[in-house]
Amino acid sequence: MRSRLPVLRGRRRYMIFELEAEAEISPKDLVSEIISSQFSLFGDAGASRNRLKLIAFNGRYGLLRFGHMKTQETRASIAAIRSIHGVRVALRSKGVSGTIK
């Protein structure tokens, strides 16, 4: 199967973030909370256009991939999270880049 031509493929951005939590948070719980935050802020249509994906997470730092026009929406989504399963957390964006390098 052929891949899409580069001109038709969607551009991506990558955001590194820091998680401060009172207890250990699993990557699965973190992703579900970020997606839930996105759906509550921007609805079904807005969240589906972002194409958010967690690339890496080591317990404290993580890397998100999203659409290139959705930087502000992604920052708002992670800033709106205050707790995950009753554990108080704070997510802070450290930087946004066009490449993982």
PDB file of N, CA and C in Angstrom:
ATOM      1  N   MET A   1       0.841  -1.176   0.000  1.00  0.00           N
ATOM      2  CA  MET A   1       0.000   0.000   0.000  1.00  0.00           C
ATOM      3  C   MET A   1       0.890   1.244   0.000  1.00  0.00           C
ATOM      4  N   ARG A   2       0.547   2.180  -0.835  1.00  0.00           N
ATOM      5  CA  ARG A   2       1.345   3.402  -0.945  1.00  0.00           C
ATOM      6  C   ARG A   2       1.003   4.369   0.164  1.00  0.00           C
ATOM      7  N   SER A   3       2.006   5.082   0.619  1.00  0.00           N
ATOM      8  CA  SER A   3       1.760   6.120   1.616  1.00  0.00           C
ATOM      9  C   SER A   3       1.299   7.390   0.902  1.00  0.00           C
ATOM     10  N   ARG A   4       0.785   8.304   1.683  1.00  0.00           N
ATOM     11  CA  ARG A   4       0.321   9.567   1.106  1.00  0.00           C
ATOM     12  C   ARG A   4       1.500  10.388   0.611  1.00  0.00           C
ATOM     13  N   LEU A   5       1.237  11.181  -0.377  1.00  0.00           N
ATOM     14  CA  LEU A   5       2.250  12.114  -0.837  1.00  0.00           C
ATOM     15  C   LEU A   5       2.526  13.121   0.274  1.00  0.00           C
ATOM     16  N   PRO A   6       3.745  13.601   0.390  1.00  0.00           N
ATOM     17  CA  PRO A   6       4.048  14.558   1.468  1.00  0.00           C
ATOM     18  C   PRO A   6       3.174  15.803   1.443  1.00  0.00           C
ATOM     19  N   VAL A   7       2.729  16.204   0.270  1.00  0.00           N
ATOM     20  CA  VAL A   7       1.902  17.404   0.180  1.00  0.00           C
ATOM     21  C   VAL A   7       0.498  17.170   0.744  1.00  0.00           C
ATOM     22  N   LEU A   8       0.050  15.922   0.782  1.00  0.00           N
ATOM     23  CA  LEU A   8      -1.282  15.602   1.291  1.00  0.00           C
ATOM     24  C   LEU A   8      -1.270  15.196   2.768  1.00  0.00           C
ATOM     25  N   ARG A   9      -0.111  14.858   3.277  1.00  0.00           N
ATOM     26  CA  ARG A   9       0.009  14.410   4.659  1.00  0.00           C
ATOM     27  C   ARG A   9      -0.102  15.603   5.611  1.00  0.00           C
ATOM     28  N   GLY A  10      -0.781  15.407   6.732  1.00  0.00           N
ATOM     29  CA  GLY A  10      -0.932  16.477   7.706  1.00  0.00           C
ATOM     30  C   GLY A  10       0.365  16.771   8.434  1.00  0.00           C
ATOM     31  N   ARG A  11       0.630  18.045   8.686  1.00  0.00           N
ATOM     32  CA  ARG A  11       1.844  18.412   9.421  1.00  0.00           C
ATOM     33  C   ARG A  11       1.615  18.187  10.907  1.00  0.00           C
ATOM     34  N   ARG A  12       2.703  17.980  11.632  1.00  0.00           N
ATOM     35  CA  ARG A  12       2.614  17.658  13.049  1.00  0.00           C
ATOM     36  C   ARG A  12       3.495  18.578  13.869  1.00  0.00           C
ATOM     37  N   ARG A  13       3.146  18.698  15.133  1.00  0.00           N
ATOM     38  CA  ARG A  13       3.971  19.386  16.114  1.00  0.00           C
ATOM     39  C   ARG A  13       4.139  18.446  17.299  1.00  0.00           C
ATOM     40  N   TYR A  14       5.198  18.661  18.042  1.00  0.00           N
ATOM     41  CA  TYR A  14       5.505  17.848  19.207  1.00  0.00           C
ATOM     42  C   TYR A  14       5.673  18.748  20.413  1.00  0.00           C
ATOM     43  N   MET A  15       5.062  18.365  21.527  1.00  0.00           N
ATOM     44  CA  MET A  15       5.142  19.154  22.754  1.00  0.00           C
ATOM     45  C   MET A  15       5.705  18.280  23.870  1.00  0.00           C
ATOM     46  N   ILE A  16       6.713  18.802  24.549  1.00  0.00           N
ATOM     47  CA  ILE A  16       7.204  18.122  25.733  1.00  0.00           C
ATOM     48  C   ILE A  16       6.538  18.786  26.933  1.00  0.00           C
ATOM     49  N   PHE A  17       6.119  17.965  27.879  1.00  0.00           N
ATOM     50  CA  PHE A  17       5.454  18.486  29.065  1.00  0.00           C
ATOM     51  C   PHE A  17       6.011  17.805  30.308  1.00  0.00           C
ATOM     52  N   GLU A  18       5.797  18.470  31.445  1.00  0.00           N
ATOM     53  CA  GLU A  18       6.232  17.941  32.734  1.00  0.00           C
ATOM     54  C   GLU A  18       5.007  17.673  33.592  1.00  0.00           C
ATOM     55  N   LEU A  19       4.992  16.544  34.250  1.00  0.00           N
ATOM     56  CA  LEU A  19       3.900  16.158  35.135  1.00  0.00           C
ATOM     57  C   LEU A  19       4.380  16.204  36.572  1.00  0.00           C
ATOM     58  N   GLU A  20       3.688  16.956  37.389  1.00  0.00           N
ATOM     59  CA  GLU A  20       3.941  16.953  38.831  1.00  0.00           C
ATOM     60  C   GLU A  20       2.715  16.346  39.486  1.00  0.00           C
ATOM     61  N   ALA A  21       2.927  15.250  40.221  1.00  0.00           N
ATOM     62  CA  ALA A  21       1.802  14.534  40.820  1.00  0.00           C
ATOM     63  C   ALA A  21       2.171  14.092  42.227  1.00  0.00           C
ATOM     64  N   GLU A  22       1.140  13.898  43.052  1.00  0.00           N
ATOM     65  CA  GLU A  22       1.340  13.426  44.414  1.00  0.00           C
ATOM     66  C   GLU A  22       1.582  11.923  44.466  1.00  0.00           C
ATOM     67  N   ALA A  23       1.197  11.205  43.424  1.00  0.00           N
ATOM     68  CA  ALA A  23       1.381   9.752  43.349  1.00  0.00           C
ATOM     69  C   ALA A  23       1.734   9.379  41.914  1.00  0.00           C
ATOM     70  N   GLU A  24       2.070   8.127  41.703  1.00  0.00           N
ATOM     71  CA  GLU A  24       2.433   7.629  40.376  1.00  0.00           C
ATOM     72  C   GLU A  24       1.201   7.594  39.469  1.00  0.00           C
ATOM     73  N   ILE A  25       1.357   8.072  38.230  1.00  0.00           N
ATOM     74  CA  ILE A  25       0.282   8.098  37.242  1.00  0.00           C
ATOM     75  C   ILE A  25       0.699   7.220  36.059  1.00  0.00           C
ATOM     76  N   SER A  26      -0.187   6.341  35.625  1.00  0.00           N
ATOM     77  CA  SER A  26       0.122   5.481  34.483  1.00  0.00           C
ATOM     78  C   SER A  26      -0.103   6.254  33.175  1.00  0.00           C
ATOM     79  N   PRO A  27       0.620   5.898  32.123  1.00  0.00           N
ATOM     80  CA  PRO A  27       0.428   6.569  30.827  1.00  0.00           C
ATOM     81  C   PRO A  27      -0.992   6.426  30.287  1.00  0.00           C
ATOM     82  N   LYS A  28      -1.620   5.286  30.529  1.00  0.00           N
ATOM     83  CA  LYS A  28      -2.989   5.062  30.051  1.00  0.00           C
ATOM     84  C   LYS A  28      -3.966   6.034  30.713  1.00  0.00           C
ATOM     85  N   ASP A  29      -3.820   6.239  32.028  1.00  0.00           N
ATOM     86  CA  ASP A  29      -4.685   7.182  32.733  1.00  0.00           C
ATOM     87  C   ASP A  29      -4.435   8.613  32.272  1.00  0.00           C
ATOM     88  N   LEU A  30      -3.173   8.937  32.018  1.00  0.00           N
ATOM     89  CA  LEU A  30      -2.822  10.280  31.568  1.00  0.00           C
ATOM     90  C   LEU A  30      -3.436  10.582  30.209  1.00  0.00           C
ATOM     91  N   VAL A  31      -3.314   9.662  29.271  1.00  0.00           N
ATOM     92  CA  VAL A  31      -3.873   9.864  27.933  1.00  0.00           C
ATOM     93  C   VAL A  31      -5.379  10.004  27.983  1.00  0.00           C
ATOM     94  N   SER A  32      -6.031   9.157  28.761  1.00  0.00           N
ATOM     95  CA  SER A  32      -7.492   9.242  28.827  1.00  0.00           C
ATOM     96  C   SER A  32      -7.947  10.563  29.436  1.00  0.00           C
ATOM     97  N   GLU A  33      -7.198  11.090  30.383  1.00  0.00           N
ATOM     98  CA  GLU A  33      -7.564  12.378  30.990  1.00  0.00           C
ATOM     99  C   GLU A  33      -7.315  13.537  30.025  1.00  0.00           C
ATOM    100  N   ILE A  34      -6.236  13.492  29.260  1.00  0.00           N
ATOM    101  CA  ILE A  34      -5.969  14.546  28.275  1.00  0.00           C
ATOM    102  C   ILE A  34      -7.046  14.550  27.195  1.00  0.00           C
ATOM    103  N   ILE A  35      -7.405  13.377  26.710  1.00  0.00           N
ATOM    104  CA  ILE A  35      -8.448  13.284  25.678  1.00  0.00           C
ATOM    105  C   ILE A  35      -9.791  13.729  26.226  1.00  0.00           C
ATOM    106  N   SER A  36     -10.091  13.354  27.460  1.00  0.00           N
ATOM    107  CA  SER A  36     -11.337  13.785  28.093  1.00  0.00           C
ATOM    108  C   SER A  36     -11.381  15.308  28.236  1.00  0.00           C
ATOM    109  N   SER A  37     -10.259  15.893  28.597  1.00  0.00           N
ATOM    110  CA  SER A  37     -10.177  17.350  28.726  1.00  0.00           C
ATOM    111  C   SER A  37     -10.404  18.017  27.373  1.00  0.00           C
ATOM    112  N   GLN A  38      -9.834  17.435  26.338  1.00  0.00           N
ATOM    113  CA  GLN A  38     -10.014  17.981  25.001  1.00  0.00           C
ATOM    114  C   GLN A  38     -11.468  17.923  24.557  1.00  0.00           C
ATOM    115  N   PHE A  39     -12.116  16.797  24.804  1.00  0.00           N
ATOM    116  CA  PHE A  39     -13.521  16.656  24.428  1.00  0.00           C
ATOM    117  C   PHE A  39     -14.405  17.631  25.199  1.00  0.00           C
ATOM    118  N   SER A  40     -14.114  17.854  26.465  1.00  0.00           N
ATOM    119  CA  SER A  40     -14.950  18.761  27.242  1.00  0.00           C
ATOM    120  C   SER A  40     -14.738  20.221  26.834  1.00  0.00           C
ATOM    121  N   LEU A  41     -13.522  20.570  26.407  1.00  0.00           N
ATOM    122  CA  LEU A  41     -13.258  21.953  26.017  1.00  0.00           C
ATOM    123  C   LEU A  41     -13.693  22.271  24.590  1.00  0.00           C
ATOM    124  N   PHE A  42     -13.467  21.339  23.644  1.00  0.00           N
ATOM    125  CA  PHE A  42     -13.655  21.651  22.232  1.00  0.00           C
ATOM    126  C   PHE A  42     -14.693  20.796  21.527  1.00  0.00           C
ATOM    127  N   GLY A  43     -15.303  19.858  22.216  1.00  0.00           N
ATOM    128  CA  GLY A  43     -16.336  19.024  21.610  1.00  0.00           C
ATOM    129  C   GLY A  43     -15.752  17.936  20.738  1.00  0.00           C
ATOM    130  N   ASP A  44     -16.627  17.151  20.142  1.00  0.00           N
ATOM    131  CA  ASP A  44     -16.199  16.022  19.315  1.00  0.00           C
ATOM    132  C   ASP A  44     -15.435  16.482  18.075  1.00  0.00           C
ATOM    133  N   ALA A  45     -15.961  17.471  17.382  1.00  0.00           N
ATOM    134  CA  ALA A  45     -15.330  17.913  16.134  1.00  0.00           C
ATOM    135  C   ALA A  45     -13.963  18.538  16.387  1.00  0.00           C
ATOM    136  N   GLY A  46     -13.848  19.365  17.406  1.00  0.00           N
ATOM    137  CA  GLY A  46     -12.572  20.010  17.705  1.00  0.00           C
ATOM    138  C   GLY A  46     -11.513  19.038  18.166  1.00  0.00           C
ATOM    139  N   ALA A  47     -11.905  18.061  18.966  1.00  0.00           N
ATOM    140  CA  ALA A  47     -10.945  17.081  19.468  1.00  0.00           C
ATOM    141  C   ALA A  47     -10.489  16.129  18.371  1.00  0.00           C
ATOM    142  N   SER A  48     -11.373  15.781  17.459  1.00  0.00           N
ATOM    143  CA  SER A  48     -10.993  14.836  16.405  1.00  0.00           C
ATOM    144  C   SER A  48     -10.059  15.479  15.386  1.00  0.00           C
ATOM    145  N   ARG A  49     -10.129  16.778  15.184  1.00  0.00           N
ATOM    146  CA  ARG A  49      -9.236  17.459  14.253  1.00  0.00           C
ATOM    147  C   ARG A  49      -7.805  17.552  14.763  1.00  0.00           C
ATOM    148  N   ASN A  50      -7.618  17.451  16.085  1.00  0.00           N
ATOM    149  CA  ASN A  50      -6.295  17.614  16.680  1.00  0.00           C
ATOM    150  C   ASN A  50      -5.408  16.390  16.478  1.00  0.00           C
ATOM    151  N   ARG A  51      -5.964  15.194  16.442  1.00  0.00           N
ATOM    152  CA  ARG A  51      -5.211  13.954  16.262  1.00  0.00           C
ATOM    153  C   ARG A  51      -4.087  13.813  17.289  1.00  0.00           C
ATOM    154  N   LEU A  52      -4.450  13.950  18.546  1.00  0.00           N
ATOM    155  CA  LEU A  52      -3.497  13.911  19.653  1.00  0.00           C
ATOM    156  C   LEU A  52      -3.030  12.487  19.926  1.00  0.00           C
ATOM    157  N   LYS A  53      -1.722  12.329  20.194  1.00  0.00           N
ATOM    158  CA  LYS A  53      -1.164  11.022  20.519  1.00  0.00           C
ATOM    159  C   LYS A  53       0.001  11.201  21.479  1.00  0.00           C
ATOM    160  N   LEU A  54       0.045  10.352  22.495  1.00  0.00           N
ATOM    161  CA  LEU A  54       1.158  10.347  23.436  1.00  0.00           C
ATOM    162  C   LEU A  54       2.273   9.493  22.848  1.00  0.00           C
ATOM    163  N   ILE A  55       3.417  10.087  22.587  1.00  0.00           N
ATOM    164  CA  ILE A  55       4.542   9.391  21.982  1.00  0.00           C
ATOM    165  C   ILE A  55       5.391   8.703  23.050  1.00  0.00           C
ATOM    166  N   ALA A  56       5.712   9.427  24.114  1.00  0.00           N
ATOM    167  CA  ALA A  56       6.566   8.868  25.166  1.00  0.00           C
ATOM    168  C   ALA A  56       6.172   9.467  26.510  1.00  0.00           C
ATOM    169  N   PHE A  57       6.349   8.675  27.569  1.00  0.00           N
ATOM    170  CA  PHE A  57       6.083   9.152  28.924  1.00  0.00           C
ATOM    171  C   PHE A  57       6.905   8.306  29.886  1.00  0.00           C
ATOM    172  N   ASN A  58       7.719   8.970  30.725  1.00  0.00           N
ATOM    173  CA  ASN A  58       8.586   8.231  31.632  1.00  0.00           C
ATOM    174  C   ASN A  58       8.199   8.380  33.101  1.00  0.00           C
ATOM    175  N   GLY A  59       7.046   8.936  33.387  1.00  0.00           N
ATOM    176  CA  GLY A  59       6.606   9.131  34.755  1.00  0.00           C
ATOM    177  C   GLY A  59       6.639  10.586  35.172  1.00  0.00           C
ATOM    178  N   ARG A  60       7.542  11.355  34.592  1.00  0.00           N
ATOM    179  CA  ARG A  60       7.616  12.774  34.897  1.00  0.00           C
ATOM    180  C   ARG A  60       7.513  13.638  33.636  1.00  0.00           C
ATOM    181  N   TYR A  61       8.215  13.253  32.580  1.00  0.00           N
ATOM    182  CA  TYR A  61       8.187  14.002  31.329  1.00  0.00           C
ATOM    183  C   TYR A  61       7.497  13.175  30.253  1.00  0.00           C
ATOM    184  N   GLY A  62       6.816  13.880  29.346  1.00  0.00           N
ATOM    185  CA  GLY A  62       6.120  13.190  28.269  1.00  0.00           C
ATOM    186  C   GLY A  62       6.220  13.975  26.975  1.00  0.00           C
ATOM    187  N   LEU A  63       5.895  13.302  25.874  1.00  0.00           N
ATOM    188  CA  LEU A  63       5.945  13.899  24.549  1.00  0.00           C
ATOM    189  C   LEU A  63       4.627  13.630  23.852  1.00  0.00           C
ATOM    190  N   LEU A  64       3.951  14.699  23.412  1.00  0.00           N
ATOM    191  CA  LEU A  64       2.675  14.611  22.701  1.00  0.00           C
ATOM    192  C   LEU A  64       2.867  14.992  21.242  1.00  0.00           C
ATOM    193  N   ARG A  65       2.133  14.325  20.354  1.00  0.00           N
ATOM    194  CA  ARG A  65       2.097  14.699  18.940  1.00  0.00           C
ATOM    195  C   ARG A  65       0.697  15.208  18.632  1.00  0.00           C
ATOM    196  N   PHE A  66       0.610  16.286  17.861  1.00  0.00           N
ATOM    197  CA  PHE A  66      -0.695  16.864  17.521  1.00  0.00           C
ATOM    198  C   PHE A  66      -0.584  17.613  16.211  1.00  0.00           C
ATOM    199  N   GLY A  67      -1.717  18.084  15.699  1.00  0.00           N
ATOM    200  CA  GLY A  67      -1.757  18.830  14.447  1.00  0.00           C
ATOM    201  C   GLY A  67      -1.094  20.191  14.577  1.00  0.00           C
ATOM    202  N   HIS A  68      -0.497  20.683  13.486  1.00  0.00           N
ATOM    203  CA  HIS A  68       0.315  21.892  13.555  1.00  0.00           C
ATOM    204  C   HIS A  68      -0.483  23.168  13.813  1.00  0.00           C
ATOM    205  N   MET A  69      -1.759  23.167  13.576  1.00  0.00           N
ATOM    206  CA  MET A  69      -2.570  24.361  13.824  1.00  0.00           C
ATOM    207  C   MET A  69      -3.262  24.328  15.189  1.00  0.00           C
ATOM    208  N   LYS A  70      -3.013  23.326  15.987  1.00  0.00           N
ATOM    209  CA  LYS A  70      -3.735  23.131  17.239  1.00  0.00           C
ATOM    210  C   LYS A  70      -2.847  23.302  18.472  1.00  0.00           C
ATOM    211  N   THR A  71      -1.834  24.148  18.399  1.00  0.00           N
ATOM    212  CA  THR A  71      -0.920  24.336  19.520  1.00  0.00           C
ATOM    213  C   THR A  71      -1.634  24.938  20.725  1.00  0.00           C
ATOM    214  N   GLN A  72      -2.392  25.994  20.525  1.00  0.00           N
ATOM    215  CA  GLN A  72      -3.073  26.653  21.641  1.00  0.00           C
ATOM    216  C   GLN A  72      -4.129  25.755  22.271  1.00  0.00           C
ATOM    217  N   GLU A  73      -4.845  24.993  21.446  1.00  0.00           N
ATOM    218  CA  GLU A  73      -5.857  24.087  21.972  1.00  0.00           C
ATOM    219  C   GLU A  73      -5.218  22.981  22.815  1.00  0.00           C
ATOM    220  N   THR A  74      -4.073  22.465  22.372  1.00  0.00           N
ATOM    221  CA  THR A  74      -3.390  21.417  23.124  1.00  0.00           C
ATOM    222  C   THR A  74      -2.864  21.953  24.448  1.00  0.00           C
ATOM    223  N   ARG A  75      -2.308  23.148  24.432  1.00  0.00           N
ATOM    224  CA  ARG A  75      -1.840  23.768  25.683  1.00  0.00           C
ATOM    225  C   ARG A  75      -3.003  23.974  26.657  1.00  0.00           C
ATOM    226  N   ALA A  76      -4.135  24.396  26.142  1.00  0.00           N
ATOM    227  CA  ALA A  76      -5.310  24.602  26.994  1.00  0.00           C
ATOM    228  C   ALA A  76      -5.807  23.283  27.564  1.00  0.00           C
ATOM    229  N   SER A  77      -5.758  22.229  26.767  1.00  0.00           N
ATOM    230  CA  SER A  77      -6.230  20.917  27.220  1.00  0.00           C
ATOM    231  C   SER A  77      -5.394  20.381  28.375  1.00  0.00           C
ATOM    232  N   ILE A  78      -4.071  20.510  28.278  1.00  0.00           N
ATOM    233  CA  ILE A  78      -3.245  19.981  29.357  1.00  0.00           C
ATOM    234  C   ILE A  78      -3.242  20.904  30.572  1.00  0.00           C
ATOM    235  N   ALA A  79      -3.466  22.195  30.358  1.00  0.00           N
ATOM    236  CA  ALA A  79      -3.506  23.120  31.495  1.00  0.00           C
ATOM    237  C   ALA A  79      -4.790  22.972  32.305  1.00  0.00           C
ATOM    238  N   ALA A  80      -5.848  22.463  31.681  1.00  0.00           N
ATOM    239  CA  ALA A  80      -7.134  22.334  32.367  1.00  0.00           C
ATOM    240  C   ALA A  80      -7.201  21.118  33.287  1.00  0.00           C
ATOM    241  N   ILE A  81      -6.231  20.242  33.221  1.00  0.00           N
ATOM    242  CA  ILE A  81      -6.247  19.023  34.043  1.00  0.00           C
ATOM    243  C   ILE A  81      -5.726  19.340  35.437  1.00  0.00           C
ATOM    244  N   ARG A  82      -6.542  19.024  36.441  1.00  0.00           N
ATOM    245  CA  ARG A  82      -6.171  19.282  37.834  1.00  0.00           C
ATOM    246  C   ARG A  82      -6.022  18.007  38.640  1.00  0.00           C
ATOM    247  N   SER A  83      -6.718  16.931  38.246  1.00  0.00           N
ATOM    248  CA  SER A  83      -6.604  15.661  38.978  1.00  0.00           C
ATOM    249  C   SER A  83      -6.847  14.494  38.024  1.00  0.00           C
ATOM    250  N   ILE A  84      -6.192  13.379  38.353  1.00  0.00           N
ATOM    251  CA  ILE A  84      -6.370  12.145  37.599  1.00  0.00           C
ATOM    252  C   ILE A  84      -6.691  11.060  38.611  1.00  0.00           C
ATOM    253  N   HIS A  85      -7.916  10.547  38.556  1.00  0.00           N
ATOM    254  CA  HIS A  85      -8.402   9.514  39.489  1.00  0.00           C
ATOM    255  C   HIS A  85      -8.212   9.941  40.949  1.00  0.00           C
ATOM    256  N   GLY A  86      -8.512  11.186  41.242  1.00  0.00           N
ATOM    257  CA  GLY A  86      -8.441  11.688  42.607  1.00  0.00           C
ATOM    258  C   GLY A  86      -7.055  12.126  43.053  1.00  0.00           C
ATOM    259  N   VAL A  87      -6.046  11.973  42.220  1.00  0.00           N
ATOM    260  CA  VAL A  87      -4.685  12.397  42.539  1.00  0.00           C
ATOM    261  C   VAL A  87      -4.467  13.783  41.942  1.00  0.00           C
ATOM    262  N   ARG A  88      -4.065  14.729  42.772  1.00  0.00           N
ATOM    263  CA  ARG A  88      -3.821  16.085  42.287  1.00  0.00           C
ATOM    264  C   ARG A  88      -2.585  16.110  41.412  1.00  0.00           C
ATOM    265  N   VAL A  89      -2.709  16.737  40.235  1.00  0.00           N
ATOM    266  CA  VAL A  89      -1.602  16.822  39.285  1.00  0.00           C
ATOM    267  C   VAL A  89      -1.508  18.226  38.704  1.00  0.00           C
ATOM    268  N   ALA A  90      -0.348  18.526  38.144  1.00  0.00           N
ATOM    269  CA  ALA A  90      -0.129  19.757  37.392  1.00  0.00           C
ATOM    270  C   ALA A  90       0.666  19.403  36.151  1.00  0.00           C
ATOM    271  N   LEU A  91       0.157  19.766  34.994  1.00  0.00           N
ATOM    272  CA  LEU A  91       0.842  19.525  33.724  1.00  0.00           C
ATOM    273  C   LEU A  91       1.332  20.860  33.192  1.00  0.00           C
ATOM    274  N   ARG A  92       2.609  20.927  32.875  1.00  0.00           N
ATOM    275  CA  ARG A  92       3.198  22.170  32.368  1.00  0.00           C
ATOM    276  C   ARG A  92       3.881  21.912  31.036  1.00  0.00           C
ATOM    277  N   SER A  93       3.562  22.728  30.063  1.00  0.00           N
ATOM    278  CA  SER A  93       4.197  22.626  28.753  1.00  0.00           C
ATOM    279  C   SER A  93       5.603  23.203  28.838  1.00  0.00           C
ATOM    280  N   LYS A  94       6.588  22.456  28.351  1.00  0.00           N
ATOM    281  CA  LYS A  94       7.975  22.914  28.361  1.00  0.00           C
ATOM    282  C   LYS A  94       8.406  23.474  27.022  1.00  0.00           C
ATOM    283  N   GLY A  95       7.815  22.996  25.938  1.00  0.00           N
ATOM    284  CA  GLY A  95       8.202  23.512  24.627  1.00  0.00           C
ATOM    285  C   GLY A  95       7.481  22.783  23.505  1.00  0.00           C
ATOM    286  N   VAL A  96       7.427  23.433  22.346  1.00  0.00           N
ATOM    287  CA  VAL A  96       6.787  22.880  21.164  1.00  0.00           C
ATOM    288  C   VAL A  96       7.797  22.935  20.024  1.00  0.00           C
ATOM    289  N   SER A  97       7.848  21.853  19.244  1.00  0.00           N
ATOM    290  CA  SER A  97       8.799  21.781  18.144  1.00  0.00           C
ATOM    291  C   SER A  97       8.127  21.107  16.945  1.00  0.00           C
ATOM    292  N   GLY A  98       8.731  21.294  15.780  1.00  0.00           N
ATOM    293  CA  GLY A  98       8.239  20.643  14.579  1.00  0.00           C
ATOM    294  C   GLY A  98       8.844  19.259  14.374  1.00  0.00           C
ATOM    295  N   THR A  99       9.898  18.951  15.148  1.00  0.00           N
ATOM    296  CA  THR A  99      10.550  17.645  15.048  1.00  0.00           C
ATOM    297  C   THR A  99      10.776  17.092  16.453  1.00  0.00           C
ATOM    298  N   ILE A 100      11.011  15.806  16.531  1.00  0.00           N
ATOM    299  CA  ILE A 100      11.286  15.186  17.827  1.00  0.00           C
ATOM    300  C   ILE A 100      12.707  15.473  18.269  1.00  0.00           C
ATOM    301  N   LYS A 101      13.622  15.635  17.343  1.00  0.00           N
ATOM    302  CA  LYS A 101      15.024  15.870  17.671  1.00  0.00           C
ATOM    303  C   LYS A 101      15.172  17.066  18.566  1.00  0.00           C
TER     304      LYS A 101
END
